[in-house]
């Protein structure tokens, strides 16, 4: 039986790294083909893959790297390049350190480090990290040390928390009471933040897979509707099903917002301008029995945000406030230019500096401390069944954090609630509202290379594009797409999923496309972007992204607009 071909119920043996290890060509390394691996190496790799702790095997004198799924997360942007790479080449910035590790452990020694500080380039820029490291020799079949097993536990956040704690407790005799209270609050918020981060990682992954499923369902529904244009019963049922898909897409979007994995298109705005376009919508949504009192400074600083998401956040907060006041009363929306000092930022996820604080205040029923501690958890709601998803505040939390800001909530039973959103001040030039003119048609004759690893999604996209008149070529991952391009295939547009298996990433395809003369336009698509397209999912203007799930009209219109922009058409 092929090595790791049967997971036997072990999640790690069926994970990403198990698949990559099986697919990797080891014959170019000292390890040789995987089917010829020694019993010792195979057993230790299998043990390592089953572990939830970040572990990496450094095999042979060169220390060829084999690691588990948890270590791939630690590796950041270096993954999956590190697989099968000698450790000194994989982490050149700490080559001397790893050389010492290899020589010590291959001689039979062990090493351990507590809170070891190293400067690593995991995502293209230097960052200081602290690590607990444990190195042990691993015996080969000849009972001699054949490799090194490393356990890598990142303690950066703990070390930074300790540094903050030490700074806060300076001159303890004079400030002991205030310092203890601040530290306690910071630790509570850190624990809450870590819990929300863990939930966010789970919900973001679920939403990504959910969007792929919705895309397959929606694409086939639209194709069915086109195949049966005169069947009223089919059209009625398809319309109902598509409406359900759209509701699912909205739920998925809210999950991605909480997980801080939604693609944002920020621009520089004055908060007054944003409210001017939102006031009428708020009043219609809240009803005539709610009065909205808006107090924004005339000289308000600008902020760099995604306008649509900020409007959604304000709308969510206003609806929550209305419900807390049982549909009657005054909701205050206020803004303030503020400067936060280091003391103001204790326990917050932001740094000292200049901020714009937007607040929504109600005088409703308020919340108990127990409820207040859970307000940002997804699906947590105090509303009765059918009157709330529990994602409103979660979405606000994710959006504000993703925008570089912070959210504070104050509430007391019987006195009401205040939700404050802090956004960093932007010194950039305020953007102008652009009116996008509709394209005259969404059909074309160009050749499009579709790169999508999900076969069901790929098939529906191909049929939709071919119905719009395009010639469509397909590749199931970045590796095959790159081989086609290097073999001379000349598409006029590359339509690629963001996250795919293989060594060639979607961004590698985009780099190839930009290097051509003339450049080949690239349209990305994804259930969520993770951190591949940009830092913190903030999209730059030159990146074109079509989020899943999308309709046939959205697909063809976006393809046409990207092609038209490349061709210099209006």
Protein backbone atom coordinates (compact mmCIF):
# COMPACT_ATOMS: atom_id res chain seq x y z
CA UNK A 1 0.00 0.00 0.00
CA UNK A 2 1.30 3.48 -0.88
CA UNK A 3 2.70 5.45 2.05
CA UNK A 4 -0.05 7.57 3.72
CA UNK A 5 -2.65 6.38 1.20
CA UNK A 6 -5.07 5.32 3.99
CA UNK A 7 -5.64 7.84 6.84
CA UNK A 8 -7.28 5.21 9.10
CA UNK A 9 -9.42 7.96 10.65
CA UNK A 10 -6.44 10.21 11.53
CA UNK A 11 -7.09 13.80 10.48
CA UNK A 12 -3.40 14.58 10.06
CA UNK A 13 -2.82 11.63 7.72
CA UNK A 14 -5.55 13.00 5.45
CA UNK A 15 -4.47 16.65 5.72
CA UNK A 16 -2.87 19.08 3.30
CA UNK A 17 0.70 18.16 4.18
CA UNK A 18 0.08 14.43 3.85
CA UNK A 19 -1.17 15.07 0.31
CA UNK A 20 1.76 17.36 -0.51
CA UNK A 21 4.31 14.86 0.84
CA UNK A 22 2.83 12.08 -1.31
CA UNK A 23 2.78 14.33 -4.41
CA UNK A 24 6.29 15.75 -3.96
CA UNK A 25 9.09 14.38 -6.18
CA UNK A 26 11.60 13.24 -3.56
CA UNK A 27 13.82 11.50 -6.10
CA UNK A 28 15.83 14.72 -6.54
CA UNK A 29 16.78 14.72 -2.84
CA UNK A 30 18.98 12.48 -0.74
CA UNK A 31 15.82 10.85 0.64
CA UNK A 32 15.05 9.19 -2.69
CA UNK A 33 11.57 8.19 -3.93
CA UNK A 34 8.98 8.00 -1.18
CA UNK A 35 8.33 4.31 -1.80
CA UNK A 36 11.99 3.63 -0.94
CA UNK A 37 12.00 5.58 2.32
CA UNK A 38 13.43 3.81 5.33
CA UNK A 39 11.06 2.39 7.91
CA UNK A 40 12.35 4.85 10.50
CA UNK A 41 11.75 7.90 8.30
CA UNK A 42 8.28 6.76 7.24
CA UNK A 43 7.18 6.00 10.82
CA UNK A 44 8.48 9.29 12.21
CA UNK A 45 6.87 11.30 9.42
CA UNK A 46 3.56 9.54 10.07
CA UNK A 47 3.85 10.27 13.80
CA UNK A 48 4.65 13.92 13.07
CA UNK A 49 1.68 14.37 10.71
CA UNK A 50 -0.71 13.09 13.37
CA UNK A 51 0.44 15.70 15.91
CA UNK A 52 -1.51 18.96 16.39
CA UNK A 53 1.72 20.64 17.55
CA UNK A 54 3.86 22.40 14.88
CA UNK A 55 6.63 19.90 14.02
CA UNK A 56 9.25 19.65 11.26
CA UNK A 57 11.57 16.78 10.36
CA UNK A 58 15.05 17.78 9.13
CA UNK A 59 16.35 14.63 7.40
CA UNK A 60 19.87 13.89 6.32
CA UNK A 61 22.98 16.05 6.59
CA UNK A 62 21.32 18.80 4.57
CA UNK A 63 18.20 18.74 6.75
CA UNK A 64 15.53 18.30 4.06
CA UNK A 65 12.33 19.73 5.53
CA UNK A 66 9.20 17.60 6.01
CA UNK A 67 6.52 19.16 8.22
CA UNK A 68 2.93 18.84 9.42
CA UNK A 69 -0.16 21.01 8.90
CA UNK A 70 0.38 23.07 12.06
CA UNK A 71 3.92 23.96 10.99
CA UNK A 72 2.61 25.07 7.56
CA UNK A 73 0.52 27.71 9.38
CA UNK A 74 3.59 28.86 11.31
CA UNK A 75 5.62 29.06 8.07
CA UNK A 76 3.28 31.67 6.58
CA UNK A 77 4.25 32.76 3.08
CA UNK A 78 7.23 30.36 3.05
CA UNK A 79 4.76 27.46 2.74
CA UNK A 80 4.74 25.30 0.62
CA UNK A 81 8.21 26.27 -0.71
CA UNK A 82 9.87 24.83 2.42
CA UNK A 83 8.78 21.25 1.69
CA UNK A 84 11.75 19.22 0.46
CA UNK A 85 14.12 22.19 0.86
CA UNK A 86 17.34 21.99 2.94
CA UNK A 87 16.73 23.93 6.14
CA UNK A 88 19.58 26.40 5.55
CA UNK A 89 18.06 27.35 2.19
CA UNK A 90 14.51 27.35 3.53
CA UNK A 91 15.35 29.78 6.36
CA UNK A 92 18.52 31.57 5.11
CA UNK A 93 18.11 34.39 7.65
CA UNK A 94 18.82 31.90 10.48
CA UNK A 95 21.18 29.58 8.60
CA UNK A 96 23.92 29.73 11.27
CA UNK A 97 21.44 28.80 14.00
CA UNK A 98 20.09 25.83 12.03
CA UNK A 99 23.62 24.72 11.12
CA UNK A 100 24.39 24.50 14.86
CA UNK A 101 21.16 22.54 15.44
CA UNK A 102 21.98 20.00 12.73
CA UNK A 103 25.56 19.43 13.82
CA UNK A 104 24.58 19.05 17.48
CA UNK A 105 21.65 16.67 17.00
CA UNK A 106 23.26 14.53 14.28
CA UNK A 107 26.06 13.99 16.78
CA UNK A 108 23.47 12.63 19.22
CA UNK A 109 22.78 15.79 21.23
CA UNK A 110 19.54 17.58 22.06
CA UNK A 111 18.70 21.27 22.25
CA UNK A 112 15.87 23.29 23.76
CA UNK A 113 15.17 27.02 23.85
CA UNK A 114 12.55 28.94 25.79
CA UNK A 115 11.25 32.16 24.22
CA UNK A 116 14.10 32.17 21.67
CA UNK A 117 13.97 35.42 19.68
CA UNK A 118 14.66 35.16 15.94
CA UNK A 119 14.12 37.51 13.01
CA UNK A 120 12.23 35.62 10.25
CA UNK A 121 10.90 36.60 6.84
CA UNK A 122 7.74 34.52 6.80
CA UNK A 123 5.69 36.89 4.65
CA UNK A 124 8.31 38.86 2.77
CA UNK A 125 9.32 41.28 5.53
CA UNK A 126 11.45 40.87 8.66
CA UNK A 127 9.58 40.24 11.89
CA UNK A 128 10.88 39.40 15.34
CA UNK A 129 9.29 36.25 16.71
CA UNK A 130 9.73 34.38 19.97
CA UNK A 131 9.68 30.60 19.99
CA UNK A 132 9.86 27.61 22.31
CA UNK A 133 12.09 25.16 20.39
CA UNK A 134 12.87 21.50 21.10
CA UNK A 135 15.32 19.52 18.95
CA UNK A 136 16.01 15.77 19.21
CA UNK A 137 17.95 13.32 17.01
CA UNK A 138 15.93 10.70 15.13
CA UNK A 139 17.53 7.31 14.50
CA UNK A 140 17.66 5.80 11.04
CA UNK A 141 17.27 2.10 10.35
CA UNK A 142 20.97 1.66 11.18
CA UNK A 143 20.34 3.12 14.68
CA UNK A 144 22.57 6.11 13.87
CA UNK A 145 21.12 9.65 13.96
CA UNK A 146 19.56 10.12 10.53
CA UNK A 147 17.68 13.34 11.08
CA UNK A 148 16.39 15.91 13.57
CA UNK A 149 12.83 16.30 14.87
CA UNK A 150 11.94 19.89 15.82
CA UNK A 151 8.92 21.05 17.83
CA UNK A 152 8.19 24.74 17.21
CA UNK A 153 5.76 26.61 19.48
CA UNK A 154 5.41 30.34 18.81
CA UNK A 155 5.21 32.42 21.98
CA UNK A 156 5.36 35.86 20.36
CA UNK A 157 2.01 37.05 21.72
CA UNK A 158 2.80 35.80 25.20
CA UNK A 159 6.21 37.52 25.19
CA UNK A 160 4.70 40.77 23.93
CA UNK A 161 1.99 40.55 26.57
CA UNK A 162 4.69 40.08 29.18
CA UNK A 163 6.60 43.09 27.86
CA UNK A 164 3.44 45.18 28.09
CA UNK A 165 2.87 43.88 31.59
CA UNK A 166 6.38 44.80 32.69
CA UNK A 167 5.98 48.27 31.22
CA UNK A 168 2.64 48.75 32.95
CA UNK A 169 4.04 47.67 36.32
CA UNK A 170 6.97 50.11 36.18
CA UNK A 171 7.08 52.26 39.32
CA UNK A 172 4.66 49.79 40.87
CA UNK A 173 4.74 51.42 44.32
CA UNK A 174 3.21 54.64 42.98
CA UNK A 175 0.71 53.05 40.56
CA UNK A 176 -0.01 49.56 41.89
CA UNK A 177 -3.79 49.83 42.16
CA UNK A 178 -4.29 51.29 38.66
CA UNK A 179 -1.72 48.97 37.10
CA UNK A 180 -3.30 45.79 38.52
CA UNK A 181 -6.72 46.83 37.30
CA UNK A 182 -5.40 47.66 33.81
CA UNK A 183 -3.50 44.37 33.58
CA UNK A 184 -6.54 42.39 34.64
CA UNK A 185 -8.67 44.12 32.01
CA UNK A 186 -6.02 43.59 29.35
CA UNK A 187 -5.76 39.89 30.14
CA UNK A 188 -9.54 39.48 29.98
CA UNK A 189 -9.67 41.20 26.60
CA UNK A 190 -6.70 39.19 25.35
CA UNK A 191 -8.45 35.93 26.27
CA UNK A 192 -11.65 37.14 24.61
CA UNK A 193 -9.71 38.23 21.52
CA UNK A 194 -7.97 34.86 21.30
CA UNK A 195 -11.31 33.07 21.59
CA UNK A 196 -12.83 35.24 18.85
CA UNK A 197 -9.73 34.69 16.71
CA UNK A 198 -10.12 30.93 17.00
CA UNK A 199 -13.83 31.09 16.18
CA UNK A 200 -12.99 33.41 13.28
CA UNK A 201 -10.53 30.94 11.81
CA UNK A 202 -13.19 28.24 11.89
CA UNK A 203 -16.01 30.37 10.47
CA UNK A 204 -13.78 31.78 7.73
CA UNK A 205 -12.83 28.30 6.55
CA UNK A 206 -16.45 27.13 6.64
CA UNK A 207 -17.56 30.20 4.68
CA UNK A 208 -14.89 29.56 2.02
CA UNK A 209 -16.09 26.00 1.42
CA UNK A 210 -19.71 27.11 1.64
CA UNK A 211 -19.16 29.72 -1.09
CA UNK A 212 -17.74 27.08 -3.42
CA UNK A 213 -20.85 24.94 -2.84
CA UNK A 214 -23.11 27.92 -3.43
CA UNK A 215 -21.25 28.71 -6.66
CA UNK A 216 -21.84 25.20 -8.00
CA UNK A 217 -25.53 25.33 -7.03
CA UNK A 218 -26.09 28.83 -8.42
CA UNK A 219 -24.24 28.15 -11.67
CA UNK A 220 -26.23 25.02 -12.40
CA UNK A 221 -29.52 26.71 -11.47
CA UNK A 222 -28.85 29.53 -13.93
CA UNK A 223 -27.90 27.03 -16.63
CA UNK A 224 -31.09 25.04 -15.95
CA UNK A 225 -33.16 28.21 -16.28
CA UNK A 226 -31.54 28.93 -19.64
CA UNK A 227 -32.14 25.38 -20.87
CA UNK A 228 -35.86 25.52 -19.96
CA UNK A 229 -36.89 29.11 -20.80
CA UNK A 230 -40.52 28.19 -21.60
CA UNK A 231 -41.15 25.90 -18.62
CA UNK A 232 -42.97 28.09 -16.08
CA UNK A 233 -42.75 25.52 -13.29
CA UNK A 234 -39.00 25.13 -13.74
CA UNK A 235 -38.54 28.90 -13.84
CA UNK A 236 -40.58 29.35 -10.64
CA UNK A 237 -38.63 26.70 -8.75
CA UNK A 238 -35.26 27.93 -10.03
CA UNK A 239 -36.13 31.49 -8.98
CA UNK A 240 -36.98 30.28 -5.46
CA UNK A 241 -33.76 28.25 -5.27
CA UNK A 242 -31.62 31.17 -6.47
CA UNK A 243 -33.23 33.38 -3.81
CA UNK A 244 -32.15 30.81 -1.20
CA UNK A 245 -28.61 30.82 -2.64
CA UNK A 246 -28.53 34.61 -2.28
CA UNK A 247 -29.58 34.32 1.36
CA UNK A 248 -26.82 31.77 1.88
CA UNK A 249 -24.33 34.12 0.21
CA UNK A 250 -25.34 36.91 2.58
CA UNK A 251 -24.83 34.61 5.58
CA UNK A 252 -21.43 33.58 4.22
CA UNK A 253 -20.49 37.23 3.71
CA UNK A 254 -21.32 37.95 7.35
CA UNK A 255 -19.17 35.02 8.46
CA UNK A 256 -16.25 36.30 6.37
CA UNK A 257 -16.71 39.77 7.84
CA UNK A 258 -16.41 38.39 11.36
CA UNK A 259 -13.38 36.28 10.37
CA UNK A 260 -11.76 39.40 8.82
CA UNK A 261 -11.41 37.56 5.50
CA UNK A 262 -13.73 39.60 3.35
CA UNK A 263 -12.04 41.52 0.51
CA UNK A 264 -12.21 45.24 1.26
CA UNK A 265 -11.88 48.11 -1.21
CA UNK A 266 -10.97 51.01 1.09
CA UNK A 267 -10.83 54.65 0.06
CA UNK A 268 -10.38 57.93 1.94
CA UNK A 269 -13.70 59.39 3.10
CA UNK A 270 -14.97 62.09 5.44
CA UNK A 271 -17.49 60.53 7.88
CA UNK A 272 -19.90 63.40 7.24
CA UNK A 273 -20.03 62.47 3.56
CA UNK A 274 -20.73 58.86 4.38
CA UNK A 275 -23.65 59.70 6.64
CA UNK A 276 -25.09 62.10 4.04
CA UNK A 277 -25.64 59.14 1.73
CA UNK A 278 -26.90 56.85 4.52
CA UNK A 279 -29.36 59.07 6.40
CA UNK A 280 -32.42 58.38 4.27
CA UNK A 281 -31.79 54.62 4.25
CA UNK A 282 -31.40 54.58 8.04
CA UNK A 283 -34.66 56.43 8.59
CA UNK A 284 -36.58 54.08 6.28
CA UNK A 285 -35.06 51.01 7.96
CA UNK A 286 -35.68 52.22 11.53
CA UNK A 287 -39.21 53.56 11.12
CA UNK A 288 -40.99 56.82 11.95
CA UNK A 289 -41.03 56.19 15.72
CA UNK A 290 -37.23 56.37 15.89
CA UNK A 291 -35.50 59.75 15.87
CA UNK A 292 -31.87 59.82 14.69
CA UNK A 293 -29.68 62.47 16.31
CA UNK A 294 -26.46 62.91 14.32
CA UNK A 295 -23.57 64.90 15.81
CA UNK A 296 -20.46 64.91 13.59
CA UNK A 297 -17.73 67.57 13.85
CA UNK A 298 -17.51 70.07 10.99
CA UNK A 299 -13.74 69.53 10.78
CA UNK A 300 -13.88 65.74 10.99
CA UNK A 301 -10.68 63.92 10.03
CA UNK A 302 -10.80 61.51 7.10
CA UNK A 303 -10.60 57.74 7.45
CA UNK A 304 -9.55 55.00 5.02
CA UNK A 305 -12.41 52.47 4.94
CA UNK A 306 -14.61 50.42 2.67
CA UNK A 307 -17.62 52.71 2.45
CA UNK A 308 -20.16 49.95 1.84
CA UNK A 309 -18.97 47.98 4.85
CA UNK A 310 -18.99 51.07 7.12
CA UNK A 311 -22.54 51.86 6.03
CA UNK A 312 -23.52 48.23 6.77
CA UNK A 313 -21.90 48.49 10.21
CA UNK A 314 -23.77 51.69 11.09
CA UNK A 315 -27.03 50.19 9.81
CA UNK A 316 -26.53 47.02 11.91
CA UNK A 317 -25.77 49.03 15.04
CA UNK A 318 -28.77 51.31 14.48
CA UNK A 319 -31.13 48.34 14.02
CA UNK A 320 -29.79 46.75 17.22
CA UNK A 321 -30.35 50.05 19.04
CA UNK A 322 -33.92 50.29 17.73
CA UNK A 323 -34.69 46.75 18.87
CA UNK A 324 -33.18 47.46 22.32
CA UNK A 325 -35.58 50.45 22.66
CA UNK A 326 -38.54 48.36 21.43
CA UNK A 327 -38.96 50.53 18.34
CA UNK A 328 -39.26 53.94 20.02
CA UNK A 329 -36.77 56.58 21.14
CA UNK A 330 -33.67 58.46 20.10
CA UNK A 331 -30.57 56.90 18.55
CA UNK A 332 -27.47 59.09 18.62
CA UNK A 333 -24.76 58.73 16.00
CA UNK A 334 -21.74 60.79 17.02
CA UNK A 335 -18.24 61.34 15.72
CA UNK A 336 -15.13 62.76 17.34
CA UNK A 337 -11.51 63.40 16.43
CA UNK A 338 -9.40 61.95 19.25
CA UNK A 339 -5.76 61.25 20.09
CA UNK A 340 -5.14 58.00 21.96
CA UNK A 341 -2.18 57.84 24.34
CA UNK A 342 -0.45 54.57 25.34
CA UNK A 343 -2.63 54.34 28.44
CA UNK A 344 -5.79 54.66 26.34
CA UNK A 345 -4.71 51.66 24.24
CA UNK A 346 -4.15 49.22 27.11
CA UNK A 347 -6.13 46.09 26.33
CA UNK A 348 -7.08 47.38 22.89
CA UNK A 349 -5.91 46.04 19.54
CA UNK A 350 -4.63 49.43 18.32
CA UNK A 351 -1.57 51.63 18.75
CA UNK A 352 -1.44 55.19 20.11
CA UNK A 353 -2.17 57.87 17.55
CA UNK A 354 -4.90 59.93 15.86
CA UNK A 355 -8.30 58.32 15.41
CA UNK A 356 -11.87 59.10 14.42
CA UNK A 357 -14.33 57.63 16.91
CA UNK A 358 -17.83 56.89 15.61
CA UNK A 359 -20.39 55.90 18.23
CA UNK A 360 -23.99 54.65 18.19
CA UNK A 361 -25.88 55.20 21.46
CA UNK A 362 -29.30 54.05 22.62
CA UNK A 363 -31.24 54.27 25.88
CA UNK A 364 -32.68 50.78 25.62
CA UNK A 365 -32.77 47.80 27.97
CA UNK A 366 -28.97 47.42 28.08
CA UNK A 367 -27.02 44.22 28.72
CA UNK A 368 -25.78 42.31 31.73
CA UNK A 369 -22.01 41.72 32.13
CA UNK A 370 -22.49 38.07 31.15
CA UNK A 371 -24.20 38.99 27.87
CA UNK A 372 -21.77 41.85 27.22
CA UNK A 373 -18.81 39.45 27.34
CA UNK A 374 -20.30 37.46 24.43
CA UNK A 375 -21.72 40.17 22.14
CA UNK A 376 -19.14 39.65 19.39
CA UNK A 377 -19.48 35.87 19.21
CA UNK A 378 -21.08 34.76 15.94
CA UNK A 379 -24.63 33.40 16.22
CA UNK A 380 -24.99 34.69 19.80
CA UNK A 381 -28.20 36.68 20.11
CA UNK A 382 -30.72 37.59 22.80
CA UNK A 383 -33.48 38.15 20.25
CA UNK A 384 -36.27 35.59 19.93
CA UNK A 385 -36.16 32.96 17.22
CA UNK A 386 -36.52 34.34 13.71
CA UNK A 387 -35.63 37.91 14.70
CA UNK A 388 -31.84 37.86 14.54
CA UNK A 389 -28.95 35.75 13.25
CA UNK A 390 -26.45 36.82 15.90
CA UNK A 391 -24.04 38.01 13.19
CA UNK A 392 -24.62 41.78 13.23
CA UNK A 393 -22.10 42.72 15.92
CA UNK A 394 -19.76 39.95 14.81
CA UNK A 395 -19.67 41.52 11.35
CA UNK A 396 -19.02 44.98 12.83
CA UNK A 397 -16.20 43.58 14.97
CA UNK A 398 -14.50 41.87 12.02
CA UNK A 399 -14.83 44.85 9.66
CA UNK A 400 -13.46 47.39 12.15
CA UNK A 401 -10.52 45.16 13.15
CA UNK A 402 -9.75 44.43 9.48
CA UNK A 403 -9.75 48.20 8.86
CA UNK A 404 -7.05 48.67 11.49
CA UNK A 405 -9.44 49.89 14.17
CA UNK A 406 -11.03 48.78 17.43
CA UNK A 407 -14.56 48.34 18.83
CA UNK A 408 -15.61 49.08 22.40
CA UNK A 409 -19.04 48.34 23.87
CA UNK A 410 -20.39 49.85 27.08
CA UNK A 411 -23.75 48.70 28.37
CA UNK A 412 -25.68 48.60 31.61
CA UNK A 413 -29.06 47.04 32.26
CA UNK A 414 -31.78 49.67 32.25
CA UNK A 415 -29.48 52.45 31.00
CA UNK A 416 -28.70 51.55 27.39
CA UNK A 417 -25.72 50.75 25.21
CA UNK A 418 -22.88 52.63 23.51
CA UNK A 419 -20.90 51.01 20.68
CA UNK A 420 -17.73 52.92 19.75
CA UNK A 421 -15.74 52.26 16.57
CA UNK A 422 -12.18 53.64 16.36
CA UNK A 423 -10.69 54.18 12.87
CA UNK A 424 -7.13 55.46 12.27
CA UNK A 425 -6.96 58.95 10.79
CA UNK A 426 -6.01 59.05 7.11
CA UNK A 427 -3.95 61.92 5.71
CA UNK A 428 -4.59 60.80 2.13
CA UNK A 429 -6.57 62.84 -0.37
CA UNK A 430 -10.31 62.33 -0.07
CA UNK A 431 -11.68 60.26 -2.95
CA UNK A 432 -14.34 61.44 -5.36
CA UNK A 433 -17.52 59.46 -5.97
CA UNK A 434 -17.29 57.70 -9.30
CA UNK A 435 -20.34 56.83 -11.35
CA UNK A 436 -19.76 53.57 -13.20
CA UNK A 437 -21.49 53.44 -16.57
CA UNK A 438 -22.95 50.08 -17.58
CA UNK A 439 -21.23 48.15 -20.35
CA UNK A 440 -23.23 47.96 -23.60
CA UNK A 441 -23.00 44.14 -23.68
CA UNK A 442 -21.29 41.30 -21.82
CA UNK A 443 -20.53 38.98 -24.73
CA UNK A 444 -17.21 38.56 -26.50
CA UNK A 445 -15.06 36.40 -28.69
CA UNK A 446 -11.76 36.40 -26.80
CA UNK A 447 -9.90 33.37 -25.47
CA UNK A 448 -10.07 32.90 -21.68
CA UNK A 449 -7.97 30.53 -19.57
CA UNK A 450 -10.05 29.32 -16.59
CA UNK A 451 -7.94 28.02 -13.67
CA UNK A 452 -10.13 26.36 -11.02
CA UNK A 453 -9.43 23.28 -8.89
CA UNK A 454 -13.11 22.57 -8.11
CA UNK A 455 -14.34 20.51 -11.07
CA UNK A 456 -18.02 21.35 -10.56
CA UNK A 457 -17.31 25.09 -10.41
CA UNK A 458 -15.01 24.83 -13.43
CA UNK A 459 -17.61 23.08 -15.57
CA UNK A 460 -20.33 25.65 -14.89
CA UNK A 461 -17.96 28.59 -15.51
CA UNK A 462 -16.85 27.09 -18.83
CA UNK A 463 -20.44 26.63 -20.01
CA UNK A 464 -21.46 30.15 -18.96
CA UNK A 465 -18.50 31.74 -20.73
CA UNK A 466 -18.96 29.65 -23.86
CA UNK A 467 -22.61 30.68 -24.00
CA UNK A 468 -21.38 34.29 -23.93
CA UNK A 469 -19.29 33.63 -27.04
CA UNK A 470 -15.84 33.17 -25.53
CA UNK A 471 -13.31 30.47 -26.36
CA UNK A 472 -12.45 28.76 -23.06
CA UNK A 473 -9.33 26.83 -22.07
CA UNK A 474 -9.12 25.13 -18.65
CA UNK A 475 -6.53 24.10 -16.08
CA UNK A 476 -7.27 22.42 -12.77
CA UNK A 477 -4.47 24.12 -10.83
CA UNK A 478 -1.70 26.70 -11.12
CA UNK A 479 0.96 24.15 -12.07
CA UNK A 480 -0.95 22.99 -15.16
CA UNK A 481 -1.91 26.54 -16.09
CA UNK A 482 1.73 27.66 -15.99
CA UNK A 483 2.80 24.71 -18.17
CA UNK A 484 0.16 25.68 -20.73
CA UNK A 485 1.27 29.32 -20.74
CA UNK A 486 4.93 28.44 -21.04
CA UNK A 487 4.07 26.03 -23.87
CA UNK A 488 2.73 28.91 -25.94
CA UNK A 489 -0.99 29.17 -25.06
CA UNK A 490 -1.97 32.83 -25.51
CA UNK A 491 -5.18 33.70 -23.66
CA UNK A 492 -6.52 37.24 -23.67
CA UNK A 493 -7.69 36.87 -20.04
CA UNK A 494 -6.79 34.57 -17.15
CA UNK A 495 -9.73 33.82 -14.82
CA UNK A 496 -8.24 32.08 -11.77
CA UNK A 497 -9.30 30.90 -8.35
CA UNK A 498 -7.19 32.47 -5.60
CA UNK A 499 -6.53 29.42 -3.42
CA UNK A 500 -5.48 26.23 -5.25
CA UNK A 501 -3.30 23.19 -4.65
CA UNK A 502 0.14 22.92 -6.25
CA UNK A 503 3.39 24.83 -6.10
CA UNK A 504 2.33 27.58 -8.51
CA UNK A 505 0.00 30.07 -6.82
CA UNK A 506 -2.55 32.32 -8.46
CA UNK A 507 -0.28 35.28 -7.75
CA UNK A 508 2.50 33.54 -9.70
CA UNK A 509 0.17 33.38 -12.70
CA UNK A 510 -0.58 37.09 -12.24
CA UNK A 511 3.16 37.89 -12.15
CA UNK A 512 3.62 35.97 -15.41
CA UNK A 513 0.68 37.82 -16.98
CA UNK A 514 2.02 41.25 -16.00
CA UNK A 515 5.41 40.42 -17.51
CA UNK A 516 3.96 39.76 -20.99
CA UNK A 517 3.92 42.31 -23.81
CA UNK A 518 1.21 43.44 -23.82
CA UNK A 519 0.24 42.37 -20.29
CA UNK A 520 -2.49 39.74 -20.00
CA UNK A 521 -5.33 40.85 -17.68
CA UNK A 522 -6.12 38.62 -14.70
CA UNK A 523 -9.49 38.28 -12.95
CA UNK A 524 -9.34 36.53 -9.56
CA UNK A 525 -12.23 34.68 -7.91
CA UNK A 526 -12.52 33.17 -4.43
CA UNK A 527 -14.77 32.24 -1.56
CA UNK A 528 -12.37 34.33 0.52
CA UNK A 529 -8.92 35.73 -0.27
CA UNK A 530 -6.97 34.61 2.83
CA UNK A 531 -3.72 36.57 2.80
CA UNK A 532 -2.61 35.77 -0.74
CA UNK A 533 -3.81 38.73 -2.78
CA UNK A 534 -2.91 41.45 -0.31
CA UNK A 535 -2.08 42.27 3.28
CA UNK A 536 -5.15 42.12 5.53
CA UNK A 537 -7.42 41.58 2.48
CA UNK A 538 -7.25 45.24 1.43
CA UNK A 539 -7.45 45.12 -2.36
CA UNK A 540 -5.30 47.47 -4.43
CA UNK A 541 -6.93 49.11 -7.49
CA UNK A 542 -5.02 46.95 -10.00
CA UNK A 543 -6.42 43.70 -8.54
CA UNK A 544 -9.71 42.52 -10.07
CA UNK A 545 -11.67 40.16 -7.80
CA UNK A 546 -15.05 38.48 -8.36
CA UNK A 547 -16.25 37.02 -5.08
CA UNK A 548 -18.06 33.68 -4.99
CA UNK A 549 -20.90 32.99 -5.39
CA UNK A 550 -21.57 35.10 -8.49
CA UNK A 551 -24.35 35.15 -11.07
CA UNK A 552 -23.84 34.61 -14.82
CA UNK A 553 -24.48 38.31 -15.37
CA UNK A 554 -21.89 39.30 -12.76
CA UNK A 555 -19.37 36.91 -14.34
CA UNK A 556 -19.81 38.05 -17.92
CA UNK A 557 -20.04 41.75 -17.04
CA UNK A 558 -16.88 41.57 -14.92
CA UNK A 559 -14.99 39.63 -17.62
CA UNK A 560 -16.09 42.19 -20.20
CA UNK A 561 -15.08 45.15 -18.01
CA UNK A 562 -11.60 43.73 -17.32
CA UNK A 563 -11.06 43.01 -21.02
CA UNK A 564 -12.38 46.45 -21.99
CA UNK A 565 -10.06 48.17 -19.51
CA UNK A 566 -7.09 46.27 -20.94
CA UNK A 567 -8.08 47.17 -24.51
CA UNK A 568 -8.55 50.83 -23.64
CA UNK A 569 -12.28 50.79 -24.29
CA UNK A 570 -14.69 53.01 -22.36
